[in-house]
């Protein structure tokens, strides 16, 4: 029996890391390893190692420690920097950073969740073809066309990503783990119900301007006397954020720095967000939602609800890709034909069952 082929999963935030773990768990026949996202760009490495400018980004040491702790608890094999082995496939959580060694290996990109709003800086960086990490956000994630295959959360995101410059022939709508089965969160033991929930974003911690006091006052106005519950982003300066909330909200306002955000959303009556992916959970559960994004557009982009099968679908794509011996373009053409045939078979079966 030959040696198992090796797959390297690049991790980032805990959400990205848990998604990668789910996909790897569905690929048990392969030798799966994990590495926090890394870069070989000299300037980015200088900023990471010699300054604190990138401390809130997923290539930072704090994010790496959290991700590796999560993986070690699950007995996962770690190869930071991907230098221990020659890999047959690399599964990426971002295409903003694709180190040179990775470009010699087949790659699959998985969408984590919401992609940040395009800014003037994002447009300038894209137009001048500067390193996309210089945006200090995820606005260009999925748009660089550097990976071989792209797994999008929905039809809406497939169109969005292709519109940003990635070859539409590379993009597969698989759904995205952690946001593909919102109904499961309705079964929870979170003790509070019927409140207006606010899920904040780490805008100030990632060098984006924000008038937090004005936002808090807007939340109070939306609540209109109903109970308020704030769930802070893990990256936030908790002391500062809690002080601001206490100063500008009613005394009975609940504030959480940890806990299951999805369960909190399931039990709320209305959801207020800024740039948080969790708005998609609210949309999927039929909540009234608020966002700095256009809510109508968010509903078009909202991840597929496929009963939690996204990780399996992505794993099936990875399995087919790693076992395919021909050129990538041949795989894209052949696999697309197989998908179309499977869809046609499914439609015919449905039509026959209705006719019967």
Protein backbone atom coordinates (compact mmCIF):
# COMPACT_ATOMS: atom_id res chain seq x y z
CA UNK A 1 0.00 0.00 0.00
CA UNK A 2 1.42 3.40 -1.00
CA UNK A 3 1.93 6.40 1.20
CA UNK A 4 -1.12 8.61 1.76
CA UNK A 5 -1.13 11.84 -0.16
CA UNK A 6 -0.54 14.91 1.99
CA UNK A 7 -2.80 17.95 2.35
CA UNK A 8 -1.85 21.18 4.12
CA UNK A 9 -4.71 23.25 5.55
CA UNK A 10 -3.93 26.93 6.13
CA UNK A 11 -5.73 28.32 9.17
CA UNK A 12 -6.46 31.81 10.46
CA UNK A 13 -9.17 32.91 12.89
CA UNK A 14 -10.84 30.30 15.08
CA UNK A 15 -13.77 30.30 12.68
CA UNK A 16 -11.48 29.60 9.72
CA UNK A 17 -9.59 27.00 11.75
CA UNK A 18 -12.74 25.13 12.73
CA UNK A 19 -13.88 25.12 9.11
CA UNK A 20 -10.57 23.67 7.96
CA UNK A 21 -10.76 21.04 10.69
CA UNK A 22 -14.23 19.99 9.50
CA UNK A 23 -13.05 19.58 5.91
CA UNK A 24 -9.93 17.67 7.02
CA UNK A 25 -12.08 15.37 9.15
CA UNK A 26 -13.97 14.41 6.00
CA UNK A 27 -10.68 13.54 4.27
CA UNK A 28 -9.49 10.93 6.72
CA UNK A 29 -7.84 8.78 4.04
CA UNK A 30 -5.24 11.51 3.46
CA UNK A 31 -2.34 12.69 5.63
CA UNK A 32 -3.66 16.06 6.78
CA UNK A 33 -1.48 18.79 8.30
CA UNK A 34 -2.20 22.33 9.44
CA UNK A 35 -0.34 25.64 9.38
CA UNK A 36 -1.37 29.13 10.35
CA UNK A 37 -1.38 31.38 7.29
CA UNK A 38 2.17 32.59 6.65
CA UNK A 39 3.93 34.83 4.16
CA UNK A 40 7.30 35.08 2.42
CA UNK A 41 6.81 38.78 1.63
CA UNK A 42 9.75 40.64 3.28
CA UNK A 43 7.82 43.80 4.15
CA UNK A 44 4.81 41.94 5.55
CA UNK A 45 7.12 39.74 7.64
CA UNK A 46 8.95 42.82 8.91
CA UNK A 47 5.66 44.42 9.96
CA UNK A 48 4.55 41.17 11.61
CA UNK A 49 7.78 40.52 13.50
CA UNK A 50 9.01 44.03 14.32
CA UNK A 51 5.82 46.05 14.82
CA UNK A 52 2.32 45.57 16.23
CA UNK A 53 0.53 46.80 13.11
CA UNK A 54 -0.57 43.28 12.13
CA UNK A 55 -1.40 41.99 15.62
CA UNK A 56 -5.11 41.77 14.82
CA UNK A 57 -4.65 40.04 11.47
CA UNK A 58 -4.72 36.28 11.02
CA UNK A 59 -0.97 36.01 10.34
CA UNK A 60 -0.20 37.35 13.84
CA UNK A 61 1.18 35.29 16.72
CA UNK A 62 -1.95 35.74 18.90
CA UNK A 63 -4.15 34.21 16.17
CA UNK A 64 -1.59 31.49 15.54
CA UNK A 65 -1.54 30.50 19.24
CA UNK A 66 -5.33 30.31 19.41
CA UNK A 67 -5.54 28.25 16.23
CA UNK A 68 -2.80 25.85 17.29
CA UNK A 69 -4.37 25.39 20.73
CA UNK A 70 -7.65 24.45 19.02
CA UNK A 71 -5.85 21.98 16.75
CA UNK A 72 -3.73 20.43 19.52
CA UNK A 73 -6.88 19.74 21.52
CA UNK A 74 -8.01 17.64 18.57
CA UNK A 75 -4.64 15.90 18.05
CA UNK A 76 -4.02 17.52 14.67
CA UNK A 77 -0.59 17.52 13.02
CA UNK A 78 0.96 21.00 12.75
CA UNK A 79 3.57 22.13 10.24
CA UNK A 80 3.89 25.90 10.53
CA UNK A 81 5.20 27.27 7.27
CA UNK A 82 4.59 23.98 5.47
CA UNK A 83 8.29 23.11 5.39
CA UNK A 84 8.25 19.56 6.78
CA UNK A 85 6.69 17.86 3.77
CA UNK A 86 6.02 18.11 0.08
CA UNK A 87 2.25 18.51 -0.17
CA UNK A 88 -0.09 17.28 -2.88
CA UNK A 89 -2.79 19.86 -2.12
CA UNK A 90 -3.03 23.06 -0.08
CA UNK A 91 -6.38 24.27 1.20
CA UNK A 92 -6.37 28.04 1.79
CA UNK A 93 -8.46 30.26 4.04
CA UNK A 94 -7.29 33.35 2.13
CA UNK A 95 -5.85 34.13 -1.28
CA UNK A 96 -4.51 37.49 -0.12
CA UNK A 97 -1.28 35.73 0.81
CA UNK A 98 -0.02 32.86 -1.35
CA UNK A 99 3.69 32.30 -0.62
CA UNK A 100 5.86 31.29 -3.57
CA UNK A 101 6.30 27.62 -2.46
CA UNK A 102 2.50 27.22 -2.42
CA UNK A 103 2.24 28.35 -6.03
CA UNK A 104 3.96 25.12 -7.09
CA UNK A 105 1.15 23.06 -5.49
CA UNK A 106 -2.52 22.68 -6.31
CA UNK A 107 -4.63 24.98 -4.15
CA UNK A 108 -8.26 25.19 -3.04
CA UNK A 109 -9.70 28.36 -1.47
CA UNK A 110 -12.56 28.15 1.03
CA UNK A 111 -14.71 31.18 1.78
CA UNK A 112 -14.90 31.79 5.53
CA UNK A 113 -17.89 34.09 5.60
CA UNK A 114 -18.49 37.74 4.89
CA UNK A 115 -16.00 39.59 2.69
CA UNK A 116 -15.27 43.12 3.87
CA UNK A 117 -16.63 46.12 2.03
CA UNK A 118 -14.49 47.60 -0.73
CA UNK A 119 -12.88 50.89 0.26
CA UNK A 120 -11.03 53.56 -1.70
CA UNK A 121 -7.78 52.03 -0.43
CA UNK A 122 -8.89 48.58 -1.63
CA UNK A 123 -9.59 49.93 -5.12
CA UNK A 124 -6.26 51.73 -5.30
CA UNK A 125 -4.34 48.64 -4.17
CA UNK A 126 -6.17 46.43 -6.66
CA UNK A 127 -5.68 48.91 -9.51
CA UNK A 128 -1.95 49.28 -8.80
CA UNK A 129 -1.53 45.53 -8.15
CA UNK A 130 0.01 46.14 -4.75
CA UNK A 131 0.02 43.40 -2.07
CA UNK A 132 -3.68 42.96 -1.15
CA UNK A 133 -2.79 42.57 2.54
CA UNK A 134 -2.08 46.29 2.58
CA UNK A 135 -5.84 46.84 2.77
CA UNK A 136 -5.69 45.53 6.37
CA UNK A 137 -9.08 43.88 5.79
CA UNK A 138 -10.61 41.05 3.75
CA UNK A 139 -12.13 43.21 1.00
CA UNK A 140 -9.96 41.60 -1.69
CA UNK A 141 -10.15 38.04 -0.35
CA UNK A 142 -11.28 35.69 -3.12
CA UNK A 143 -10.47 38.22 -5.84
CA UNK A 144 -6.82 37.53 -6.66
CA UNK A 145 -7.42 34.48 -8.91
CA UNK A 146 -4.26 32.86 -7.49
CA UNK A 147 -5.82 29.58 -6.31
CA UNK A 148 -6.82 26.75 -8.62
CA UNK A 149 -10.31 26.17 -7.20
CA UNK A 150 -12.60 28.48 -5.20
CA UNK A 151 -15.37 27.27 -2.89
CA UNK A 152 -18.00 29.98 -2.54
CA UNK A 153 -20.70 30.25 0.12
CA UNK A 154 -23.56 30.97 -2.30
CA UNK A 155 -24.54 31.78 -5.86
CA UNK A 156 -24.47 35.44 -4.88
CA UNK A 157 -20.87 35.20 -3.68
CA UNK A 158 -19.87 33.26 -6.78
CA UNK A 159 -21.08 36.18 -8.89
CA UNK A 160 -19.44 38.69 -6.53
CA UNK A 161 -16.06 36.92 -6.52
CA UNK A 162 -16.02 36.50 -10.29
CA UNK A 163 -16.98 40.15 -10.66
CA UNK A 164 -13.92 41.04 -8.58
CA UNK A 165 -11.58 39.29 -11.00
CA UNK A 166 -11.46 35.57 -10.24
CA UNK A 167 -12.08 33.24 -13.19
CA UNK A 168 -15.73 32.08 -12.86
CA UNK A 169 -14.73 28.67 -14.20
CA UNK A 170 -12.74 28.09 -11.00
CA UNK A 171 -15.60 28.86 -8.63
CA UNK A 172 -17.79 26.14 -7.09
CA UNK A 173 -20.80 26.89 -4.91
CA UNK A 174 -20.38 24.52 -1.97
CA UNK A 175 -21.73 26.50 0.95
CA UNK A 176 -19.43 27.30 3.85
CA UNK A 177 -19.02 25.33 7.09
CA UNK A 178 -20.31 27.01 10.27
CA UNK A 179 -22.90 29.02 8.32
CA UNK A 180 -24.74 26.31 6.38
CA UNK A 181 -27.15 24.96 9.02
CA UNK A 182 -28.51 27.86 11.06
CA UNK A 183 -31.61 25.91 12.15
CA UNK A 184 -29.46 23.80 14.49
CA UNK A 185 -28.84 26.85 16.70
CA UNK A 186 -32.51 27.05 17.68
CA UNK A 187 -31.91 24.10 20.01
CA UNK A 188 -29.85 25.75 22.75
CA UNK A 189 -29.70 26.40 26.48
CA UNK A 190 -28.89 30.11 26.37
CA UNK A 191 -31.07 31.50 29.19
CA UNK A 192 -32.17 34.82 27.62
CA UNK A 193 -34.87 35.40 24.98
CA UNK A 194 -36.64 38.21 23.12
CA UNK A 195 -33.95 40.88 23.22
CA UNK A 196 -32.37 43.10 20.60
CA UNK A 197 -28.88 41.72 20.04
CA UNK A 198 -25.87 43.76 18.94
CA UNK A 199 -22.85 41.95 17.43
CA UNK A 200 -19.95 44.41 17.21
CA UNK A 201 -16.93 44.44 14.88
CA UNK A 202 -13.22 45.00 15.62
CA UNK A 203 -13.04 48.04 13.35
CA UNK A 204 -10.88 50.18 15.62
CA UNK A 205 -8.52 47.29 16.36
CA UNK A 206 -7.97 46.74 12.62
CA UNK A 207 -7.25 50.39 11.77
CA UNK A 208 -10.72 51.26 10.45
CA UNK A 209 -12.54 54.41 11.58
CA UNK A 210 -15.61 54.05 13.78
CA UNK A 211 -17.80 56.31 15.88
CA UNK A 212 -18.71 53.68 18.48
CA UNK A 213 -20.73 56.03 20.69
CA UNK A 214 -22.95 57.04 17.77
CA UNK A 215 -23.43 53.35 16.91
CA UNK A 216 -24.41 52.51 20.48
CA UNK A 217 -26.94 55.32 20.57
CA UNK A 218 -28.42 54.06 17.30
CA UNK A 219 -28.77 50.59 18.84
CA UNK A 220 -30.62 52.06 21.82
CA UNK A 221 -32.97 53.86 19.43
CA UNK A 222 -33.66 50.66 17.46
CA UNK A 223 -34.34 48.74 20.68
CA UNK A 224 -36.92 51.38 21.67
CA UNK A 225 -37.17 50.20 25.25
CA UNK A 226 -36.71 46.49 24.57
CA UNK A 227 -33.89 44.63 26.38
CA UNK A 228 -30.44 45.01 24.78
CA UNK A 229 -27.68 42.39 24.59
CA UNK A 230 -24.19 43.16 23.26
CA UNK A 231 -21.79 40.43 22.10
CA UNK A 232 -18.31 41.89 21.59
CA UNK A 233 -15.92 40.79 18.86
CA UNK A 234 -13.05 38.65 20.30
CA UNK A 235 -10.43 41.10 18.97
CA UNK A 236 -11.88 44.12 20.74
CA UNK A 237 -10.46 46.10 23.62
CA UNK A 238 -13.05 44.82 26.09
CA UNK A 239 -12.48 47.40 28.84
CA UNK A 240 -12.95 50.29 26.45
CA UNK A 241 -15.97 48.76 24.71
CA UNK A 242 -17.73 47.80 27.95
CA UNK A 243 -17.16 51.27 29.42
CA UNK A 244 -18.74 52.90 26.36
CA UNK A 245 -21.74 50.57 26.40
CA UNK A 246 -22.37 51.09 30.11
CA UNK A 247 -22.23 54.84 29.69
CA UNK A 248 -24.74 55.05 26.84
CA UNK A 249 -27.24 52.21 27.39
CA UNK A 250 -29.84 51.31 30.04
CA UNK A 251 -28.57 49.71 33.26
CA UNK A 252 -30.01 46.28 32.43
CA UNK A 253 -28.09 45.96 29.15
CA UNK A 254 -26.34 42.56 28.98
CA UNK A 255 -22.74 42.44 27.71
CA UNK A 256 -20.93 39.24 26.71
CA UNK A 257 -17.27 38.90 25.74
CA UNK A 258 -17.54 35.15 25.17
CA UNK A 259 -20.18 32.48 24.69
CA UNK A 260 -21.96 30.96 21.70
CA UNK A 261 -22.86 33.86 19.44
CA UNK A 262 -25.05 31.70 17.22
CA UNK A 263 -27.23 30.65 20.17
CA UNK A 264 -27.57 34.28 21.22
CA UNK A 265 -28.77 35.17 17.72
CA UNK A 266 -31.23 32.26 17.68
CA UNK A 267 -32.91 33.61 20.81
CA UNK A 268 -33.01 37.30 19.83
CA UNK A 269 -35.96 39.16 18.34
CA UNK A 270 -33.82 41.51 16.22
CA UNK A 271 -30.13 41.58 15.26
CA UNK A 272 -27.90 44.63 14.83
CA UNK A 273 -24.46 44.15 13.25
CA UNK A 274 -21.74 46.26 11.68
CA UNK A 275 -19.50 44.16 9.40
CA UNK A 276 -20.04 40.78 11.05
CA UNK A 277 -20.57 37.49 9.22
CA UNK A 278 -23.03 36.45 11.93
CA UNK A 279 -25.63 38.62 10.21
CA UNK A 280 -26.07 35.63 7.90
CA UNK A 281 -27.26 33.50 10.80
CA UNK A 282 -29.91 36.11 11.55
CA UNK A 283 -30.99 36.18 7.89
CA UNK A 284 -31.17 32.38 7.71
CA UNK A 285 -33.33 32.30 10.85
CA UNK A 286 -35.70 34.96 9.55
CA UNK A 287 -34.68 37.66 12.02
CA UNK A 288 -34.96 41.35 11.24
CA UNK A 289 -31.35 42.41 10.74
CA UNK A 290 -29.36 45.63 10.51
CA UNK A 291 -25.90 45.96 8.97
CA UNK A 292 -23.47 48.49 7.55
CA UNK A 293 -23.87 46.48 4.35
CA UNK A 294 -27.00 46.77 2.22
CA UNK A 295 -29.34 44.16 3.74
CA UNK A 296 -30.92 43.39 0.36
CA UNK A 297 -27.49 42.55 -1.02
CA UNK A 298 -26.71 40.44 2.07
CA UNK A 299 -29.80 38.37 1.44
CA UNK A 300 -28.55 37.68 -2.11
CA UNK A 301 -25.11 36.73 -0.74
CA UNK A 302 -26.39 34.70 2.21
CA UNK A 303 -24.66 31.27 2.48
CA UNK A 304 -26.48 28.16 1.33
CA UNK A 305 -28.45 26.34 4.01
CA UNK A 306 -27.68 22.75 3.09
CA UNK A 307 -28.10 21.00 6.44
CA UNK A 308 -24.43 21.29 7.38
CA UNK A 309 -23.03 19.40 4.40
CA UNK A 310 -20.63 22.07 3.09
CA UNK A 311 -17.54 20.44 4.61
CA UNK A 312 -18.43 17.14 2.92
CA UNK A 313 -19.01 18.86 -0.42
CA UNK A 314 -15.68 20.68 -0.20
CA UNK A 315 -13.96 17.43 0.80
CA UNK A 316 -15.46 15.67 -2.22
CA UNK A 317 -14.10 18.41 -4.48
CA UNK A 318 -10.66 18.20 -2.85
CA UNK A 319 -10.63 14.42 -3.13
CA UNK A 320 -11.43 14.52 -6.84
CA UNK A 321 -8.88 17.26 -7.45
CA UNK A 322 -6.00 15.60 -5.60
CA UNK A 323 -6.60 12.32 -7.46
CA UNK A 324 -6.81 13.93 -10.91
CA UNK A 325 -3.61 13.43 -12.91
CA UNK A 326 -4.18 15.86 -15.76
CA UNK A 327 -3.88 19.64 -16.06
CA UNK A 328 -6.02 21.83 -13.81
CA UNK A 329 -8.01 23.18 -16.76
CA UNK A 330 -8.94 19.62 -17.78
CA UNK A 331 -10.16 18.95 -14.26
CA UNK A 332 -12.27 22.09 -14.24
CA UNK A 333 -13.90 21.12 -17.52
CA UNK A 334 -14.42 17.45 -16.63
CA UNK A 335 -15.66 18.04 -13.08
CA UNK A 336 -18.05 20.74 -14.25
CA UNK A 337 -19.51 18.27 -16.77
CA UNK A 338 -19.92 15.68 -13.98
CA UNK A 339 -21.69 18.23 -11.78
CA UNK A 340 -24.01 19.25 -14.61
CA UNK A 341 -24.83 15.59 -15.33
CA UNK A 342 -25.52 14.93 -11.65
CA UNK A 343 -27.78 17.99 -11.48
CA UNK A 344 -29.67 16.91 -14.61
CA UNK A 345 -30.14 13.41 -13.14
CA UNK A 346 -31.45 14.93 -9.90
CA UNK A 347 -33.92 17.16 -11.78
CA UNK A 348 -35.16 14.22 -13.89
CA UNK A 349 -35.64 12.08 -10.78
CA UNK A 350 -37.64 14.87 -9.13
CA UNK A 351 -39.81 15.34 -12.22
CA UNK A 352 -40.53 11.60 -12.39
CA UNK A 353 -41.43 11.47 -8.72
CA UNK A 354 -43.84 14.37 -9.13
CA UNK A 355 -45.36 12.75 -12.22
CA UNK A 356 -45.81 9.50 -10.31
